[in-house]
Amino acid sequence: MNIKLKILFSILMITALVFGFIHVYFPADNYSFERLHIFLFNLCTGGTILLYYTQGRVKVSKTVSSFFLGSLIYAFSAFFKIYPITILISVPLFILVEKIRIQKFSLFPILFFKFKEPVSEKFHQASLLCLSMGIVMAGLVILNNEYFKFVTMEKLTLNTFFLGFSFPLSLITLSLVFSMLKKIEGSSIKVLMEVCFWTITLGVIIFFIFILFEKFIPQIFVTFALFMAVVTVFYLYLKFADKIQQKLFLTSGIGFLILTAISGIAYIFLQMSAEYDPQRVKWLLHMHVFASLYGWNLCGLSIICRFDDFPIKLHSPTVIFIHWLTAIVLAPLGIFYGWFAIIAIIGYSFITLTLFFSSNSRKIADE
């Protein structure tokens, strides 16, 4: 990825986090800065990187550029609640994602049902499908809630569905993880890899449905299944993946994913308790979101953006420590205390700029 793209995406990621804290200093009842924060990170930055990575070209295509510009219009129109524009722009965004998916794979995802196909490719196609489906579903929710009102449900809101845009990033990161396990694709362990794929992809969909219907007990069972699948992925990755620098970052990323599974289970149990107070457990929910977005997903996106550059010149354990400190301590505290928000933005900027712009040690050696 060229330097201009790295600058663009790093600025967008940092800007997204800033919007996540704006309400701490400038409360606004009419607008949800959290919504803009999620859209800028997941849809605008993450979605564009996903499509760029899928095409595998050095130069950004017109299709990817069009998606990026359209996603910005989508994000800001949804933020300002200009929903007719949001709905209209959803159509070309869906078409652009599907165009790239079909060019890379096929119209129907028959790849999912072929045992001999690499699991990494299955996760890759699932991430693209999840992105296009997320755009369609968010559009339908807007149509229902703002115009037709066919269905009335407490959880059927755009603020619930925009979180779904993090799933494509999670799935493409898992694709990277499994791409490093290709050497065991031909062994009996392939069955376990397939089980992980289906458990994770179907699990997140089923879990989302249970959230909509507010079914807490089934949520626990699905979350536990997802937790076991992630732990299995972690074991396979530690045991069989090659020892390269990307492995250290992705191992840290899977650690974030395990943390989100644990915090998710804990949050569901707290919701079920008689003394449940949303304000008292707000910190746990924010830690869950930050660990997912700026922990797990950032690991995947940074590796995609620097995929051809590794090994890069940085002290990995130090960066990983600051990454964890920022994502699970400073950023959640920043929601409640303004000074922590500033420190979190500084810490996150350091992490992002280090991951995107640290020099390539191979190039230094060649010089």
Protein backbone atom coordinates (compact mmCIF):
# COMPACT_ATOMS: atom_id res chain seq x y z
CA MET A 1 0.00 0.00 0.00
CA ASN A 2 1.43 3.37 -1.01
CA ILE A 3 2.21 6.19 1.40
CA LYS A 4 -0.79 8.34 0.38
CA LEU A 5 -3.25 5.57 1.24
CA LYS A 6 -1.53 4.93 4.57
CA ILE A 7 -1.81 8.63 5.43
CA LEU A 8 -5.48 8.70 4.42
CA PHE A 9 -6.49 5.60 6.39
CA SER A 10 -4.45 6.48 9.49
CA ILE A 11 -6.00 9.98 9.61
CA LEU A 12 -9.49 8.50 9.22
CA MET A 13 -8.90 5.98 12.01
CA ILE A 14 -7.64 8.65 14.41
CA THR A 15 -10.51 10.98 13.41
CA ALA A 16 -12.98 8.18 14.09
CA LEU A 17 -11.68 7.79 17.65
CA VAL A 18 -11.84 11.56 18.20
CA PHE A 19 -15.53 11.52 17.25
CA GLY A 20 -15.98 8.74 19.78
CA PHE A 21 -15.00 11.17 22.55
CA ILE A 22 -16.54 14.44 21.29
CA HIS A 23 -19.70 13.95 23.33
CA VAL A 24 -17.58 14.03 26.51
CA TYR A 25 -16.71 17.67 25.82
CA PHE A 26 -19.63 18.76 23.63
CA PRO A 27 -22.82 16.87 24.57
CA ALA A 28 -25.37 16.82 21.73
CA ASP A 29 -28.82 15.36 22.21
CA ASN A 30 -29.81 15.54 18.53
CA TYR A 31 -26.77 13.83 17.03
CA SER A 32 -24.94 10.62 17.89
CA PHE A 33 -21.21 11.17 17.52
CA GLU A 34 -20.76 7.51 18.45
CA ARG A 35 -22.62 6.61 15.26
CA LEU A 36 -20.22 8.70 13.16
CA HIS A 37 -17.27 7.26 15.06
CA ILE A 38 -18.34 3.68 14.22
CA PHE A 39 -19.14 4.45 10.57
CA LEU A 40 -15.83 6.20 9.90
CA PHE A 41 -13.83 3.29 11.34
CA ASN A 42 -15.84 0.27 10.20
CA LEU A 43 -17.50 1.30 6.95
CA CYS A 44 -15.36 4.09 5.48
CA THR A 45 -11.91 2.90 6.53
CA GLY A 46 -12.44 -0.82 7.14
CA GLY A 47 -14.79 -1.40 4.21
CA THR A 48 -12.50 0.39 1.77
CA ILE A 49 -9.41 -1.49 2.98
CA LEU A 50 -11.32 -4.78 2.67
CA LEU A 51 -12.26 -4.06 -0.96
CA TYR A 52 -8.76 -2.80 -1.81
CA TYR A 53 -7.22 -5.94 -0.29
CA THR A 54 -9.69 -8.17 -2.17
CA GLN A 55 -8.77 -6.70 -5.54
CA GLY A 56 -5.06 -7.06 -4.77
CA ARG A 57 -4.01 -4.16 -6.98
CA VAL A 58 -1.26 -1.65 -6.30
CA LYS A 59 -3.37 1.21 -7.63
CA VAL A 60 -6.80 1.95 -6.19
CA SER A 61 -9.51 1.09 -8.72
CA LYS A 62 -12.46 3.32 -9.61
CA THR A 63 -14.73 0.81 -7.89
CA VAL A 64 -12.88 1.11 -4.57
CA SER A 65 -12.62 4.91 -4.88
CA SER A 66 -16.36 5.13 -5.57
CA PHE A 67 -17.11 2.99 -2.52
CA PHE A 68 -14.91 5.17 -0.33
CA LEU A 69 -16.60 8.41 -1.43
CA GLY A 70 -20.04 6.82 -1.16
CA SER A 71 -19.28 5.50 2.34
CA LEU A 72 -18.37 9.03 3.49
CA ILE A 73 -21.68 10.34 2.15
CA TYR A 74 -23.43 7.44 3.89
CA ALA A 75 -21.69 8.11 7.22
CA PHE A 76 -22.37 11.85 7.35
CA SER A 77 -25.93 11.64 6.00
CA ALA A 78 -26.75 9.00 8.65
CA PHE A 79 -25.09 11.18 11.29
CA PHE A 80 -27.10 14.26 10.32
CA LYS A 81 -30.22 12.07 9.93
CA ILE A 82 -30.67 12.96 6.25
CA TYR A 83 -32.02 9.47 5.69
CA PRO A 84 -33.23 9.78 2.06
CA ILE A 85 -29.58 10.30 1.03
CA THR A 86 -28.44 7.41 3.27
CA ILE A 87 -30.97 5.07 1.65
CA LEU A 88 -30.15 6.20 -1.90
CA ILE A 89 -26.38 5.81 -1.43
CA SER A 90 -26.90 2.34 0.07
CA VAL A 91 -27.85 0.96 -3.36
CA PRO A 92 -24.59 1.78 -5.21
CA LEU A 93 -22.55 0.80 -2.14
CA PHE A 94 -24.18 -2.65 -2.13
CA ILE A 95 -23.61 -3.01 -5.90
CA LEU A 96 -19.93 -2.03 -5.62
CA VAL A 97 -19.27 -4.56 -2.83
CA GLU A 98 -21.07 -7.33 -4.69
CA LYS A 99 -19.25 -6.49 -7.93
CA ILE A 100 -15.87 -7.02 -6.26
CA ARG A 101 -17.09 -10.12 -4.38
CA ILE A 102 -18.40 -11.76 -7.55
CA GLN A 103 -15.22 -10.89 -9.48
CA LYS A 104 -13.11 -12.47 -6.75
CA PHE A 105 -15.33 -15.47 -5.99
CA SER A 106 -18.76 -16.17 -7.51
CA LEU A 107 -22.38 -15.00 -7.44
CA PHE A 108 -23.46 -17.79 -5.10
CA PRO A 109 -21.11 -18.61 -2.20
CA ILE A 110 -20.71 -22.28 -3.17
CA LEU A 111 -17.15 -22.02 -1.85
CA PHE A 112 -18.56 -22.39 1.68
CA PHE A 113 -19.71 -25.94 0.97
CA LYS A 114 -16.53 -27.24 -0.68
CA PHE A 115 -14.45 -29.04 1.93
CA LYS A 116 -11.23 -28.85 -0.08
CA GLU A 117 -11.32 -25.05 -0.39
CA PRO A 118 -9.05 -23.12 2.02
CA VAL A 119 -10.85 -21.89 5.13
CA SER A 120 -9.10 -18.53 4.74
CA GLU A 121 -10.91 -18.02 1.41
CA LYS A 122 -14.23 -18.90 3.05
CA PHE A 123 -13.70 -16.26 5.73
CA HIS A 124 -12.69 -13.78 3.03
CA GLN A 125 -15.87 -14.26 1.03
CA ALA A 126 -17.95 -14.25 4.23
CA SER A 127 -16.50 -10.84 5.14
CA LEU A 128 -17.58 -9.39 1.78
CA LEU A 129 -21.04 -10.92 2.06
CA CYS A 130 -21.36 -9.58 5.58
CA LEU A 131 -20.47 -6.08 4.37
CA SER A 132 -23.04 -6.06 1.56
CA MET A 133 -25.72 -7.63 3.79
CA GLY A 134 -24.98 -5.07 6.52
CA ILE A 135 -25.56 -2.21 4.09
CA VAL A 136 -28.89 -3.70 2.96
CA MET A 137 -30.11 -4.47 6.48
CA ALA A 138 -29.23 -1.01 7.80
CA GLY A 139 -31.15 0.50 4.88
CA LEU A 140 -34.20 -1.65 5.62
CA VAL A 141 -34.09 -0.63 9.28
CA ILE A 142 -34.09 3.06 8.29
CA LEU A 143 -37.04 2.50 5.91
CA ASN A 144 -38.96 0.66 8.62
CA ASN A 145 -38.27 3.05 11.48
CA GLU A 146 -38.53 6.35 9.63
CA TYR A 147 -41.23 5.68 7.05
CA PHE A 148 -43.20 2.41 7.07
CA LYS A 149 -43.07 1.23 10.71
CA PHE A 150 -44.03 -2.33 9.79
CA VAL A 151 -42.14 -3.76 12.76
CA THR A 152 -41.84 -2.25 16.23
CA MET A 153 -39.01 -3.59 18.39
CA GLU A 154 -36.90 -1.85 21.02
CA LYS A 155 -33.63 -3.18 19.58
CA LEU A 156 -34.57 -2.61 15.93
CA THR A 157 -32.61 0.63 15.61
CA LEU A 158 -29.84 1.89 13.35
CA ASN A 159 -27.59 2.22 16.40
CA THR A 160 -27.92 -1.54 16.89
CA PHE A 161 -27.30 -2.38 13.25
CA PHE A 162 -24.35 -0.09 12.65
CA LEU A 163 -22.36 -2.28 15.05
CA GLY A 164 -22.82 -5.03 12.46
CA PHE A 165 -20.33 -3.24 10.22
CA SER A 166 -17.57 -4.49 12.51
CA PHE A 167 -18.30 -8.13 11.54
CA PRO A 168 -16.73 -7.88 8.04
CA LEU A 169 -13.49 -6.60 9.59
CA SER A 170 -13.51 -9.40 12.14
CA LEU A 171 -14.02 -12.01 9.42
CA ILE A 172 -11.27 -10.66 7.14
CA THR A 173 -8.86 -10.70 10.11
CA LEU A 174 -9.78 -14.35 10.69
CA SER A 175 -9.05 -14.92 7.00
CA LEU A 176 -5.53 -13.61 7.62
CA VAL A 177 -5.19 -15.91 10.63
CA PHE A 178 -6.24 -19.00 8.67
CA SER A 179 -4.06 -18.06 5.67
CA MET A 180 -1.11 -18.81 7.95
CA LEU A 181 -2.52 -22.28 8.67
CA LYS A 182 -2.57 -23.52 5.07
CA LYS A 183 0.07 -26.16 5.79
CA ILE A 184 -2.43 -28.11 7.94
CA GLU A 185 -5.32 -27.79 5.44
CA GLY A 186 -4.65 -31.29 4.14
CA SER A 187 -4.61 -32.95 7.54
CA SER A 188 -7.39 -34.26 9.77
CA ILE A 189 -7.32 -30.91 11.60
CA LYS A 190 -9.13 -29.43 8.57
CA VAL A 191 -12.40 -30.71 10.10
CA LEU A 192 -11.74 -28.63 13.21
CA MET A 193 -10.99 -25.58 11.05
CA GLU A 194 -14.29 -26.05 9.20
CA VAL A 195 -16.17 -26.32 12.50
CA CYS A 196 -14.58 -23.03 13.62
CA PHE A 197 -15.63 -21.35 10.37
CA TRP A 198 -19.28 -22.40 10.59
CA THR A 199 -19.50 -21.77 14.34
CA ILE A 200 -18.17 -18.23 14.00
CA THR A 201 -20.01 -17.17 10.82
CA LEU A 202 -23.38 -18.63 11.78
CA GLY A 203 -22.85 -17.81 15.46
CA VAL A 204 -22.60 -14.04 14.95
CA ILE A 205 -25.76 -14.06 12.81
CA ILE A 206 -27.75 -16.13 15.31
CA PHE A 207 -26.41 -14.04 18.19
CA PHE A 208 -27.55 -10.86 16.45
CA ILE A 209 -31.05 -12.31 16.04
CA PHE A 210 -31.22 -13.16 19.75
CA ILE A 211 -30.15 -9.59 20.57
CA LEU A 212 -33.06 -8.22 18.53
CA PHE A 213 -35.54 -10.45 20.35
CA GLU A 214 -33.80 -9.88 23.72
CA LYS A 215 -33.41 -13.59 24.43
CA PHE A 216 -30.71 -13.67 27.10
CA ILE A 217 -30.35 -17.42 27.78
CA PRO A 218 -29.84 -18.33 24.09
CA GLN A 219 -27.35 -15.44 23.85
CA ILE A 220 -25.25 -17.08 26.56
CA PHE A 221 -25.15 -20.43 24.74
CA VAL A 222 -24.23 -18.81 21.41
CA THR A 223 -21.60 -16.58 23.02
CA PHE A 224 -20.08 -19.60 24.79
CA ALA A 225 -19.93 -21.48 21.46
CA LEU A 226 -18.22 -18.47 19.87
CA PHE A 227 -15.81 -18.29 22.80
CA MET A 228 -14.85 -21.96 22.39
CA ALA A 229 -14.37 -21.48 18.64
CA VAL A 230 -12.10 -18.48 19.20
CA VAL A 231 -10.06 -20.35 21.83
CA THR A 232 -9.68 -23.22 19.33
CA VAL A 233 -8.49 -20.77 16.66
CA PHE A 234 -6.03 -19.35 19.18
CA TYR A 235 -4.66 -22.84 19.92
CA LEU A 236 -4.33 -23.75 16.22
CA TYR A 237 -2.65 -20.45 15.47
CA LEU A 238 -0.12 -20.70 18.29
CA LYS A 239 0.74 -24.30 17.48
CA PHE A 240 0.83 -24.36 13.68
CA ALA A 241 1.33 -20.83 12.28
CA ASP A 242 4.80 -19.88 11.10
CA LYS A 243 6.86 -17.73 13.47
CA ILE A 244 6.85 -14.44 11.60
CA GLN A 245 6.30 -10.90 12.88
CA GLN A 246 2.67 -10.85 11.73
CA LYS A 247 2.06 -13.77 14.09
CA LEU A 248 2.86 -11.66 17.14
CA PHE A 249 0.38 -8.96 16.11
CA LEU A 250 -2.36 -11.41 15.21
CA THR A 251 -1.80 -13.37 18.43
CA SER A 252 -2.36 -10.11 20.28
CA GLY A 253 -5.44 -9.53 18.12
CA ILE A 254 -6.91 -12.94 18.98
CA GLY A 255 -6.28 -12.06 22.62
CA PHE A 256 -8.50 -9.01 22.14
CA LEU A 257 -11.12 -11.25 20.49
CA ILE A 258 -11.11 -13.65 23.46
CA LEU A 259 -11.48 -10.67 25.79
CA THR A 260 -14.53 -9.44 23.86
CA ALA A 261 -16.10 -12.90 24.14
CA ILE A 262 -15.55 -12.95 27.92
CA SER A 263 -16.81 -9.38 28.39
CA GLY A 264 -19.81 -10.18 26.19
CA ILE A 265 -20.78 -13.15 28.36
CA ALA A 266 -20.29 -11.07 31.51
CA TYR A 267 -22.49 -8.28 30.13
CA ILE A 268 -25.31 -10.71 29.29
CA PHE A 269 -25.24 -12.13 32.83
CA LEU A 270 -25.37 -8.60 34.26
CA GLN A 271 -28.36 -7.79 32.03
CA MET A 272 -30.18 -10.81 33.45
CA SER A 273 -29.62 -9.81 37.08
CA ALA A 274 -32.40 -8.18 39.10
CA GLU A 275 -30.12 -5.26 40.04
CA TYR A 276 -29.21 -4.49 36.42
CA ASP A 277 -28.54 -0.79 35.85
CA PRO A 278 -27.28 0.20 32.36
CA GLN A 279 -25.35 3.16 33.75
CA ARG A 280 -23.46 1.05 36.28
CA VAL A 281 -22.16 -1.41 33.66
CA LYS A 282 -21.61 1.15 30.91
CA TRP A 283 -17.85 0.88 31.43
CA LEU A 284 -17.94 -2.85 30.58
CA LEU A 285 -19.84 -2.24 27.35
CA HIS A 286 -17.37 0.45 26.28
CA MET A 287 -14.41 -1.78 27.08
CA HIS A 288 -16.05 -4.50 24.97
CA VAL A 289 -16.51 -2.12 22.00
CA PHE A 290 -13.02 -0.58 22.18
CA ALA A 291 -11.36 -4.01 22.51
CA SER A 292 -13.23 -5.14 19.40
CA LEU A 293 -12.79 -2.05 17.20
CA TYR A 294 -9.45 -0.62 18.25
CA GLY A 295 -7.96 -3.91 19.44
CA TRP A 296 -8.89 -6.92 17.33
CA ASN A 297 -9.97 -5.10 14.17
CA LEU A 298 -7.02 -2.68 14.18
CA CYS A 299 -4.59 -5.61 14.29
CA GLY A 300 -6.15 -7.06 11.15
CA LEU A 301 -6.39 -3.78 9.23
CA SER A 302 -2.81 -2.75 10.05
CA ILE A 303 -1.48 -6.10 8.84
CA ILE A 304 -3.46 -5.81 5.59
CA CYS A 305 -2.08 -2.31 5.01
CA ARG A 306 1.52 -3.40 5.73
CA PHE A 307 1.22 -6.93 4.37
CA ASP A 308 4.09 -6.55 1.87
CA ASP A 309 6.29 -4.59 4.27
CA PHE A 310 6.87 -7.07 7.10
CA PRO A 311 9.14 -7.38 8.95
CA ILE A 312 8.78 -3.71 9.91
CA LYS A 313 11.22 -1.94 12.19
CA LEU A 314 9.53 -1.57 15.57
CA HIS A 315 9.79 -3.00 19.05
CA SER A 316 6.69 -5.18 18.83
CA PRO A 317 6.14 -6.04 22.54
CA THR A 318 6.26 -2.33 23.48
CA VAL A 319 3.71 -1.35 20.82
CA ILE A 320 1.45 -4.26 21.80
CA PHE A 321 1.61 -3.23 25.48
CA ILE A 322 0.64 0.37 24.65
CA HIS A 323 -2.07 -0.98 22.34
CA TRP A 324 -3.65 -3.02 25.15
CA LEU A 325 -3.31 -0.20 27.66
CA THR A 326 -5.02 2.23 25.30
CA ALA A 327 -7.82 -0.07 24.10
CA ILE A 328 -8.94 -1.63 27.39
CA VAL A 329 -8.01 1.02 29.97
CA LEU A 330 -7.48 4.54 28.63
CA ALA A 331 -10.17 4.61 25.92
CA PRO A 332 -13.01 3.23 28.12
CA LEU A 333 -12.04 5.66 30.91
CA GLY A 334 -12.04 8.46 28.34
CA ILE A 335 -15.81 8.05 27.95
CA PHE A 336 -16.24 9.17 31.56
CA TYR A 337 -13.23 11.43 32.17
CA GLY A 338 -12.07 13.97 29.61
CA TRP A 339 -8.37 13.83 30.43
CA PHE A 340 -8.27 10.08 29.76
CA ALA A 341 -9.85 10.72 26.36
CA ILE A 342 -6.96 13.00 25.40
CA ILE A 343 -4.40 10.46 26.62
CA ALA A 344 -6.23 7.67 24.76
CA ILE A 345 -6.20 9.67 21.50
CA ILE A 346 -2.47 10.33 21.90
CA GLY A 347 -1.79 6.66 22.67
CA TYR A 348 -3.94 5.43 19.79
CA SER A 349 -2.32 7.93 17.39
CA PHE A 350 1.09 6.59 18.40
CA ILE A 351 -0.01 2.99 17.79
CA THR A 352 -1.64 3.74 14.44
CA LEU A 353 1.22 5.85 13.09
CA THR A 354 3.80 3.31 14.30
CA LEU A 355 2.00 0.39 12.67
CA PHE A 356 1.42 2.29 9.41
CA PHE A 357 4.73 4.10 9.01
CA SER A 358 7.51 2.17 10.77
CA SER A 359 10.30 1.59 8.28
CA ASN A 360 10.76 -1.71 6.50
CA SER A 361 13.74 -3.49 8.03
CA ARG A 362 14.40 -5.41 4.80
CA LYS A 363 14.74 -2.17 2.86
CA ILE A 364 17.15 -0.84 5.47
CA ALA A 365 19.21 -4.02 5.19
CA ASP A 366 19.30 -3.74 1.40
CA GLU A 367 20.55 -0.17 1.61
